[in-house]
């Protein structure tokens, strides 16, 4: 027997000939698919919690769609463009599975995403590498300016850690509302400080402290011209 394959204008005709003659078996249609995508973008990236972040997935062989699983809170991926973007709502190290697909298949790779906390970013911006290794200078409770205000409080109020910052502390003032006269407290809040909770408390004896309904109430929160902080007033 002899097998004969003939090109029939994009199709392949299969036939077999032998001692009994020649016969057509059928027609085989072949579709040429592109090679699967290969991720080519960098597989490490870094950012800071509370701040905007973007990362572009890049891949060879013209992907038609993209994906990313295991993203930290605040981020999402555009499946058409491959852009990962958003405002980071977490800190830590994350393994993100990237994917790119076309008609020929899909390619994957793991992105290691390192997100430092906003407090660590604040320290890195204000202290030298030598100072960062000394907890007596850079720990949360340290007071490098000697003004009695800890680094954590200065971070929360957007103050410089090495400068006397008593003028930047929260201030009190009388507040009159339809229900009576009260004391108000106004403080500066860092909008990017996702690693902090700001809680205003009251006490009648400086020992027992309370907050919430029946004790405190929000009055206003106004964005400041610096674009990074708010002025918050609480009754």
C-alpha atoms as a PDB file:
ATOM      1  CA  UNK A   1       0.000   0.000   0.000  1.00  0.00           C
ATOM      2  CA  UNK A   2       1.035   3.583  -0.581  1.00  0.00           C
ATOM      3  CA  UNK A   3      -0.333   6.610   1.292  1.00  0.00           C
ATOM      4  CA  UNK A   4      -0.711   9.799  -0.737  1.00  0.00           C
ATOM      5  CA  UNK A   5      -1.102  13.242   0.889  1.00  0.00           C
ATOM      6  CA  UNK A   6      -2.156  16.078  -1.396  1.00  0.00           C
ATOM      7  CA  UNK A   7      -2.496  19.774  -0.538  1.00  0.00           C
ATOM      8  CA  UNK A   8      -5.946  20.971  -1.554  1.00  0.00           C
ATOM      9  CA  UNK A   9      -5.833  24.743  -0.994  1.00  0.00           C
ATOM     10  CA  UNK A  10      -5.427  24.896   2.782  1.00  0.00           C
ATOM     11  CA  UNK A  11      -6.738  21.408   3.315  1.00  0.00           C
ATOM     12  CA  UNK A  12      -4.947  18.093   3.160  1.00  0.00           C
ATOM     13  CA  UNK A  13      -6.570  15.241   1.224  1.00  0.00           C
ATOM     14  CA  UNK A  14      -5.635  11.774   2.468  1.00  0.00           C
ATOM     15  CA  UNK A  15      -5.787   8.818   0.096  1.00  0.00           C
ATOM     16  CA  UNK A  16      -4.495   5.284  -0.047  1.00  0.00           C
ATOM     17  CA  UNK A  17      -3.543   3.291  -3.168  1.00  0.00           C
ATOM     18  CA  UNK A  18      -2.880  -0.411  -3.365  1.00  0.00           C
ATOM     19  CA  UNK A  19      -3.293  -3.441  -5.581  1.00  0.00           C
ATOM     20  CA  UNK A  20      -7.042  -2.988  -5.538  1.00  0.00           C
ATOM     21  CA  UNK A  21      -6.936   0.615  -6.691  1.00  0.00           C
ATOM     22  CA  UNK A  22      -6.889   4.142  -5.339  1.00  0.00           C
ATOM     23  CA  UNK A  23      -9.355   5.590  -2.844  1.00  0.00           C
ATOM     24  CA  UNK A  24      -9.926   8.888  -1.016  1.00  0.00           C
ATOM     25  CA  UNK A  25     -10.037   8.478   2.751  1.00  0.00           C
ATOM     26  CA  UNK A  26     -10.955  12.000   3.794  1.00  0.00           C
ATOM     27  CA  UNK A  27      -9.871  15.614   4.239  1.00  0.00           C
ATOM     28  CA  UNK A  28      -7.784  16.843   7.184  1.00  0.00           C
ATOM     29  CA  UNK A  29      -7.989  20.522   8.107  1.00  0.00           C
ATOM     30  CA  UNK A  30      -5.008  21.985   9.995  1.00  0.00           C
ATOM     31  CA  UNK A  31      -5.075  25.308  11.873  1.00  0.00           C
ATOM     32  CA  UNK A  32      -1.735  26.963  12.565  1.00  0.00           C
ATOM     33  CA  UNK A  33      -1.729  28.344  16.129  1.00  0.00           C
ATOM     34  CA  UNK A  34       0.723  30.945  17.434  1.00  0.00           C
ATOM     35  CA  UNK A  35       3.239  29.914  20.069  1.00  0.00           C
ATOM     36  CA  UNK A  36       2.104  30.362  23.671  1.00  0.00           C
ATOM     37  CA  UNK A  37       3.052  33.616  25.414  1.00  0.00           C
ATOM     38  CA  UNK A  38       6.121  33.803  27.640  1.00  0.00           C
ATOM     39  CA  UNK A  39       6.148  36.320  30.522  1.00  0.00           C
ATOM     40  CA  UNK A  40       9.015  38.786  29.922  1.00  0.00           C
ATOM     41  CA  UNK A  41       8.407  41.491  32.554  1.00  0.00           C
ATOM     42  CA  UNK A  42      10.544  41.649  35.710  1.00  0.00           C
ATOM     43  CA  UNK A  43       9.542  39.082  38.338  1.00  0.00           C
ATOM     44  CA  UNK A  44      10.288  41.278  41.354  1.00  0.00           C
ATOM     45  CA  UNK A  45       8.579  44.529  42.305  1.00  0.00           C
ATOM     46  CA  UNK A  46       8.223  46.681  45.420  1.00  0.00           C
ATOM     47  CA  UNK A  47       5.853  49.281  46.804  1.00  0.00           C
ATOM     48  CA  UNK A  48       4.653  50.966  49.978  1.00  0.00           C
ATOM     49  CA  UNK A  49       1.387  50.305  51.752  1.00  0.00           C
ATOM     50  CA  UNK A  50      -1.099  53.152  51.491  1.00  0.00           C
ATOM     51  CA  UNK A  51       0.392  54.469  48.238  1.00  0.00           C
ATOM     52  CA  UNK A  52      -0.516  53.963  44.544  1.00  0.00           C
ATOM     53  CA  UNK A  53       1.190  51.081  42.738  1.00  0.00           C
ATOM     54  CA  UNK A  54       1.346  49.914  39.124  1.00  0.00           C
ATOM     55  CA  UNK A  55       3.020  47.021  37.314  1.00  0.00           C
ATOM     56  CA  UNK A  56       2.724  46.124  33.655  1.00  0.00           C
ATOM     57  CA  UNK A  57       2.642  42.443  32.720  1.00  0.00           C
ATOM     58  CA  UNK A  58       4.664  41.986  29.531  1.00  0.00           C
ATOM     59  CA  UNK A  59       4.787  38.825  27.447  1.00  0.00           C
ATOM     60  CA  UNK A  60       5.885  37.645  24.021  1.00  0.00           C
ATOM     61  CA  UNK A  61       3.734  36.278  21.178  1.00  0.00           C
ATOM     62  CA  UNK A  62       0.915  38.823  21.365  1.00  0.00           C
ATOM     63  CA  UNK A  63      -1.246  37.775  24.329  1.00  0.00           C
ATOM     64  CA  UNK A  64      -4.990  38.291  24.023  1.00  0.00           C
ATOM     65  CA  UNK A  65      -5.622  38.332  27.780  1.00  0.00           C
ATOM     66  CA  UNK A  66      -3.799  38.559  31.090  1.00  0.00           C
ATOM     67  CA  UNK A  67      -4.381  37.448  34.658  1.00  0.00           C
ATOM     68  CA  UNK A  68      -2.911  37.793  38.151  1.00  0.00           C
ATOM     69  CA  UNK A  69      -3.891  35.774  41.223  1.00  0.00           C
ATOM     70  CA  UNK A  70      -2.746  36.283  44.801  1.00  0.00           C
ATOM     71  CA  UNK A  71      -2.716  40.084  44.593  1.00  0.00           C
ATOM     72  CA  UNK A  72      -2.597  41.984  47.914  1.00  0.00           C
ATOM     73  CA  UNK A  73      -5.597  44.056  48.924  1.00  0.00           C
ATOM     74  CA  UNK A  74      -6.196  47.211  46.926  1.00  0.00           C
ATOM     75  CA  UNK A  75      -4.792  45.912  43.624  1.00  0.00           C
ATOM     76  CA  UNK A  76      -6.540  44.557  40.538  1.00  0.00           C
ATOM     77  CA  UNK A  77      -5.462  43.515  37.047  1.00  0.00           C
ATOM     78  CA  UNK A  78      -6.844  44.738  33.722  1.00  0.00           C
ATOM     79  CA  UNK A  79      -7.316  41.500  31.790  1.00  0.00           C
ATOM     80  CA  UNK A  80      -7.116  43.282  28.426  1.00  0.00           C
ATOM     81  CA  UNK A  81      -3.979  45.388  28.976  1.00  0.00           C
ATOM     82  CA  UNK A  82      -2.169  43.438  31.698  1.00  0.00           C
ATOM     83  CA  UNK A  83      -1.799  46.499  33.947  1.00  0.00           C
ATOM     84  CA  UNK A  84      -1.874  45.784  37.681  1.00  0.00           C
ATOM     85  CA  UNK A  85      -2.773  48.934  39.589  1.00  0.00           C
ATOM     86  CA  UNK A  86      -4.413  50.383  42.693  1.00  0.00           C
ATOM     87  CA  UNK A  87      -3.553  51.704  46.137  1.00  0.00           C
ATOM     88  CA  UNK A  88      -1.798  49.131  48.296  1.00  0.00           C
ATOM     89  CA  UNK A  89      -3.883  48.222  51.347  1.00  0.00           C
ATOM     90  CA  UNK A  90      -1.478  45.680  52.859  1.00  0.00           C
ATOM     91  CA  UNK A  91       2.212  45.249  53.583  1.00  0.00           C
ATOM     92  CA  UNK A  92       4.390  42.131  53.430  1.00  0.00           C
ATOM     93  CA  UNK A  93       5.774  39.833  50.735  1.00  0.00           C
ATOM     94  CA  UNK A  94       3.348  38.310  48.235  1.00  0.00           C
ATOM     95  CA  UNK A  95       3.751  35.670  45.515  1.00  0.00           C
ATOM     96  CA  UNK A  96       1.542  36.686  42.596  1.00  0.00           C
ATOM     97  CA  UNK A  97       0.883  34.215  39.776  1.00  0.00           C
ATOM     98  CA  UNK A  98       0.968  36.099  36.462  1.00  0.00           C
ATOM     99  CA  UNK A  99      -0.540  34.677  33.279  1.00  0.00           C
ATOM    100  CA  UNK A 100      -0.804  35.657  29.630  1.00  0.00           C
ATOM    101  CA  UNK A 101      -2.819  33.738  27.033  1.00  0.00           C
ATOM    102  CA  UNK A 102      -3.487  33.606  23.318  1.00  0.00           C
ATOM    103  CA  UNK A 103      -5.063  31.079  20.940  1.00  0.00           C
ATOM    104  CA  UNK A 104      -1.982  28.881  21.231  1.00  0.00           C
ATOM    105  CA  UNK A 105      -2.068  28.519  25.000  1.00  0.00           C
ATOM    106  CA  UNK A 106      -0.950  30.372  28.106  1.00  0.00           C
ATOM    107  CA  UNK A 107       2.269  31.184  29.909  1.00  0.00           C
ATOM    108  CA  UNK A 108       2.717  31.786  33.625  1.00  0.00           C
ATOM    109  CA  UNK A 109       5.346  33.173  35.983  1.00  0.00           C
ATOM    110  CA  UNK A 110       5.509  34.132  39.672  1.00  0.00           C
ATOM    111  CA  UNK A 111       6.000  37.759  40.654  1.00  0.00           C
ATOM    112  CA  UNK A 112       7.530  38.398  44.096  1.00  0.00           C
ATOM    113  CA  UNK A 113       5.916  41.601  45.356  1.00  0.00           C
ATOM    114  CA  UNK A 114       7.512  43.223  48.428  1.00  0.00           C
ATOM    115  CA  UNK A 115       5.434  45.913  50.138  1.00  0.00           C
ATOM    116  CA  UNK A 116       6.972  47.838  53.008  1.00  0.00           C
ATOM    117  CA  UNK A 117       4.768  49.293  55.719  1.00  0.00           C
ATOM    118  CA  UNK A 118       4.118  53.056  55.630  1.00  0.00           C
ATOM    119  CA  UNK A 119       5.902  53.389  58.994  1.00  0.00           C
ATOM    120  CA  UNK A 120       9.041  51.724  57.591  1.00  0.00           C
ATOM    121  CA  UNK A 121       8.883  54.007  54.548  1.00  0.00           C
ATOM    122  CA  UNK A 122       8.618  57.027  56.868  1.00  0.00           C
ATOM    123  CA  UNK A 123      11.685  55.873  58.808  1.00  0.00           C
ATOM    124  CA  UNK A 124      13.657  55.259  55.616  1.00  0.00           C
ATOM    125  CA  UNK A 125      12.857  58.809  54.503  1.00  0.00           C
ATOM    126  CA  UNK A 126      13.996  60.439  57.754  1.00  0.00           C
ATOM    127  CA  UNK A 127      16.922  58.362  59.052  1.00  0.00           C
ATOM    128  CA  UNK A 128      20.295  57.373  57.660  1.00  0.00           C
ATOM    129  CA  UNK A 129      21.225  53.722  57.111  1.00  0.00           C
ATOM    130  CA  UNK A 130      23.389  53.868  60.238  1.00  0.00           C
ATOM    131  CA  UNK A 131      20.549  55.303  62.323  1.00  0.00           C
ATOM    132  CA  UNK A 132      18.111  52.686  61.044  1.00  0.00           C
ATOM    133  CA  UNK A 133      20.230  49.960  62.651  1.00  0.00           C
ATOM    134  CA  UNK A 134      19.942  51.604  66.102  1.00  0.00           C
ATOM    135  CA  UNK A 135      16.575  50.925  67.799  1.00  0.00           C
ATOM    136  CA  UNK A 136      17.292  53.646  70.379  1.00  0.00           C
ATOM    137  CA  UNK A 137      16.937  56.115  67.514  1.00  0.00           C
ATOM    138  CA  UNK A 138      14.360  54.557  65.212  1.00  0.00           C
ATOM    139  CA  UNK A 139      12.101  52.278  67.266  1.00  0.00           C
ATOM    140  CA  UNK A 140       8.431  53.204  67.714  1.00  0.00           C
ATOM    141  CA  UNK A 141       9.035  54.468  71.257  1.00  0.00           C
ATOM    142  CA  UNK A 142      12.347  56.276  70.642  1.00  0.00           C
ATOM    143  CA  UNK A 143      12.494  60.097  70.890  1.00  0.00           C
ATOM    144  CA  UNK A 144      15.534  61.166  68.855  1.00  0.00           C
ATOM    145  CA  UNK A 145      14.647  64.879  69.179  1.00  0.00           C
ATOM    146  CA  UNK A 146      14.498  64.657  72.987  1.00  0.00           C
ATOM    147  CA  UNK A 147      11.086  66.363  73.067  1.00  0.00           C
ATOM    148  CA  UNK A 148       9.245  63.447  74.685  1.00  0.00           C
ATOM    149  CA  UNK A 149       7.257  62.659  71.529  1.00  0.00           C
ATOM    150  CA  UNK A 150       7.851  59.142  70.238  1.00  0.00           C
ATOM    151  CA  UNK A 151       8.580  58.244  66.632  1.00  0.00           C
ATOM    152  CA  UNK A 152       5.214  56.498  66.340  1.00  0.00           C
ATOM    153  CA  UNK A 153       3.316  59.620  67.417  1.00  0.00           C
ATOM    154  CA  UNK A 154       5.345  61.786  65.040  1.00  0.00           C
ATOM    155  CA  UNK A 155       4.677  59.358  62.211  1.00  0.00           C
ATOM    156  CA  UNK A 156       0.946  59.398  62.972  1.00  0.00           C
ATOM    157  CA  UNK A 157       0.828  63.216  63.058  1.00  0.00           C
ATOM    158  CA  UNK A 158       3.144  63.683  60.040  1.00  0.00           C
ATOM    159  CA  UNK A 159       5.923  65.321  62.064  1.00  0.00           C
ATOM    160  CA  UNK A 160       9.701  65.254  61.552  1.00  0.00           C
ATOM    161  CA  UNK A 161      11.301  62.814  64.024  1.00  0.00           C
ATOM    162  CA  UNK A 162      14.530  64.762  64.582  1.00  0.00           C
ATOM    163  CA  UNK A 163      12.869  68.122  65.232  1.00  0.00           C
ATOM    164  CA  UNK A 164      11.088  69.471  68.301  1.00  0.00           C
ATOM    165  CA  UNK A 165       7.488  69.043  67.223  1.00  0.00           C
ATOM    166  CA  UNK A 166       5.339  70.112  70.164  1.00  0.00           C
ATOM    167  CA  UNK A 167       3.627  72.706  67.976  1.00  0.00           C
ATOM    168  CA  UNK A 168       2.266  69.892  65.833  1.00  0.00           C
ATOM    169  CA  UNK A 169       0.472  68.038  68.628  1.00  0.00           C
ATOM    170  CA  UNK A 170      -3.346  67.797  68.742  1.00  0.00           C
ATOM    171  CA  UNK A 171      -5.115  70.889  70.070  1.00  0.00           C
ATOM    172  CA  UNK A 172      -8.310  71.317  72.078  1.00  0.00           C
ATOM    173  CA  UNK A 173     -10.959  74.003  71.738  1.00  0.00           C
ATOM    174  CA  UNK A 174     -14.512  74.718  72.956  1.00  0.00           C
ATOM    175  CA  UNK A 175     -17.251  73.453  70.659  1.00  0.00           C
ATOM    176  CA  UNK A 176     -20.875  74.575  70.744  1.00  0.00           C
ATOM    177  CA  UNK A 177     -23.546  72.481  69.037  1.00  0.00           C
ATOM    178  CA  UNK A 178     -27.324  72.369  69.119  1.00  0.00           C
ATOM    179  CA  UNK A 179     -27.162  70.007  72.084  1.00  0.00           C
ATOM    180  CA  UNK A 180     -24.739  71.967  74.255  1.00  0.00           C
ATOM    181  CA  UNK A 181     -21.131  72.934  74.859  1.00  0.00           C
ATOM    182  CA  UNK A 182     -18.337  70.431  74.465  1.00  0.00           C
ATOM    183  CA  UNK A 183     -14.586  70.099  74.249  1.00  0.00           C
ATOM    184  CA  UNK A 184     -13.174  69.241  70.830  1.00  0.00           C
ATOM    185  CA  UNK A 185      -9.839  67.720  69.811  1.00  0.00           C
ATOM    186  CA  UNK A 186      -8.266  68.411  66.400  1.00  0.00           C
ATOM    187  CA  UNK A 187      -5.366  66.316  65.128  1.00  0.00           C
ATOM    188  CA  UNK A 188      -3.518  65.603  61.871  1.00  0.00           C
ATOM    189  CA  UNK A 189      -4.085  62.210  60.283  1.00  0.00           C
ATOM    190  CA  UNK A 190      -1.831  60.660  57.606  1.00  0.00           C
ATOM    191  CA  UNK A 191      -4.098  59.370  54.864  1.00  0.00           C
ATOM    192  CA  UNK A 192      -1.561  56.705  53.845  1.00  0.00           C
ATOM    193  CA  UNK A 193      -1.114  55.310  57.374  1.00  0.00           C
ATOM    194  CA  UNK A 194      -2.986  52.051  56.775  1.00  0.00           C
ATOM    195  CA  UNK A 195      -0.976  50.484  59.602  1.00  0.00           C
ATOM    196  CA  UNK A 196      -2.518  52.775  62.242  1.00  0.00           C
ATOM    197  CA  UNK A 197      -5.886  53.186  63.951  1.00  0.00           C
ATOM    198  CA  UNK A 198      -6.645  56.674  65.292  1.00  0.00           C
ATOM    199  CA  UNK A 199      -8.893  56.578  68.379  1.00  0.00           C
ATOM    200  CA  UNK A 200      -9.835  59.618  70.480  1.00  0.00           C
ATOM    201  CA  UNK A 201     -10.601  58.739  74.095  1.00  0.00           C
ATOM    202  CA  UNK A 202     -11.896  60.660  77.127  1.00  0.00           C
ATOM    203  CA  UNK A 203     -11.370  60.175  80.845  1.00  0.00           C
ATOM    204  CA  UNK A 204     -12.658  61.690  84.055  1.00  0.00           C
ATOM    205  CA  UNK A 205      -9.777  60.447  86.206  1.00  0.00           C
ATOM    206  CA  UNK A 206      -6.895  59.853  83.732  1.00  0.00           C
ATOM    207  CA  UNK A 207      -7.097  56.140  84.546  1.00  0.00           C
ATOM    208  CA  UNK A 208     -10.232  54.836  82.854  1.00  0.00           C
ATOM    209  CA  UNK A 209     -10.514  55.841  79.187  1.00  0.00           C
ATOM    210  CA  UNK A 210     -13.535  55.500  76.887  1.00  0.00           C
ATOM    211  CA  UNK A 211     -14.394  56.149  73.264  1.00  0.00           C
ATOM    212  CA  UNK A 212     -17.300  55.806  70.876  1.00  0.00           C
ATOM    213  CA  UNK A 213     -21.023  56.421  71.287  1.00  0.00           C
ATOM    214  CA  UNK A 214     -21.819  58.364  74.440  1.00  0.00           C
ATOM    215  CA  UNK A 215     -18.237  59.544  74.816  1.00  0.00           C
ATOM    216  CA  UNK A 216     -16.911  60.910  71.521  1.00  0.00           C
ATOM    217  CA  UNK A 217     -18.373  61.852  68.151  1.00  0.00           C
ATOM    218  CA  UNK A 218     -16.780  62.840  64.816  1.00  0.00           C
ATOM    219  CA  UNK A 219     -17.170  66.478  63.792  1.00  0.00           C
ATOM    220  CA  UNK A 220     -15.183  66.876  60.568  1.00  0.00           C
ATOM    221  CA  UNK A 221     -12.337  65.490  58.459  1.00  0.00           C
ATOM    222  CA  UNK A 222     -10.862  67.979  55.995  1.00  0.00           C
ATOM    223  CA  UNK A 223      -8.212  67.176  53.382  1.00  0.00           C
ATOM    224  CA  UNK A 224      -5.178  69.443  53.742  1.00  0.00           C
ATOM    225  CA  UNK A 225      -3.445  71.245  50.824  1.00  0.00           C
ATOM    226  CA  UNK A 226      -0.401  68.921  51.135  1.00  0.00           C
ATOM    227  CA  UNK A 227      -2.489  66.142  49.601  1.00  0.00           C
ATOM    228  CA  UNK A 228      -1.270  63.591  52.160  1.00  0.00           C
ATOM    229  CA  UNK A 229      -2.979  64.494  55.445  1.00  0.00           C
ATOM    230  CA  UNK A 230      -6.350  65.386  56.919  1.00  0.00           C
ATOM    231  CA  UNK A 231      -7.327  67.665  59.788  1.00  0.00           C
ATOM    232  CA  UNK A 232      -9.721  65.658  61.945  1.00  0.00           C
ATOM    233  CA  UNK A 233     -11.913  67.165  64.671  1.00  0.00           C
ATOM    234  CA  UNK A 234     -13.673  65.000  67.255  1.00  0.00           C
ATOM    235  CA  UNK A 235     -16.186  66.103  69.910  1.00  0.00           C
END
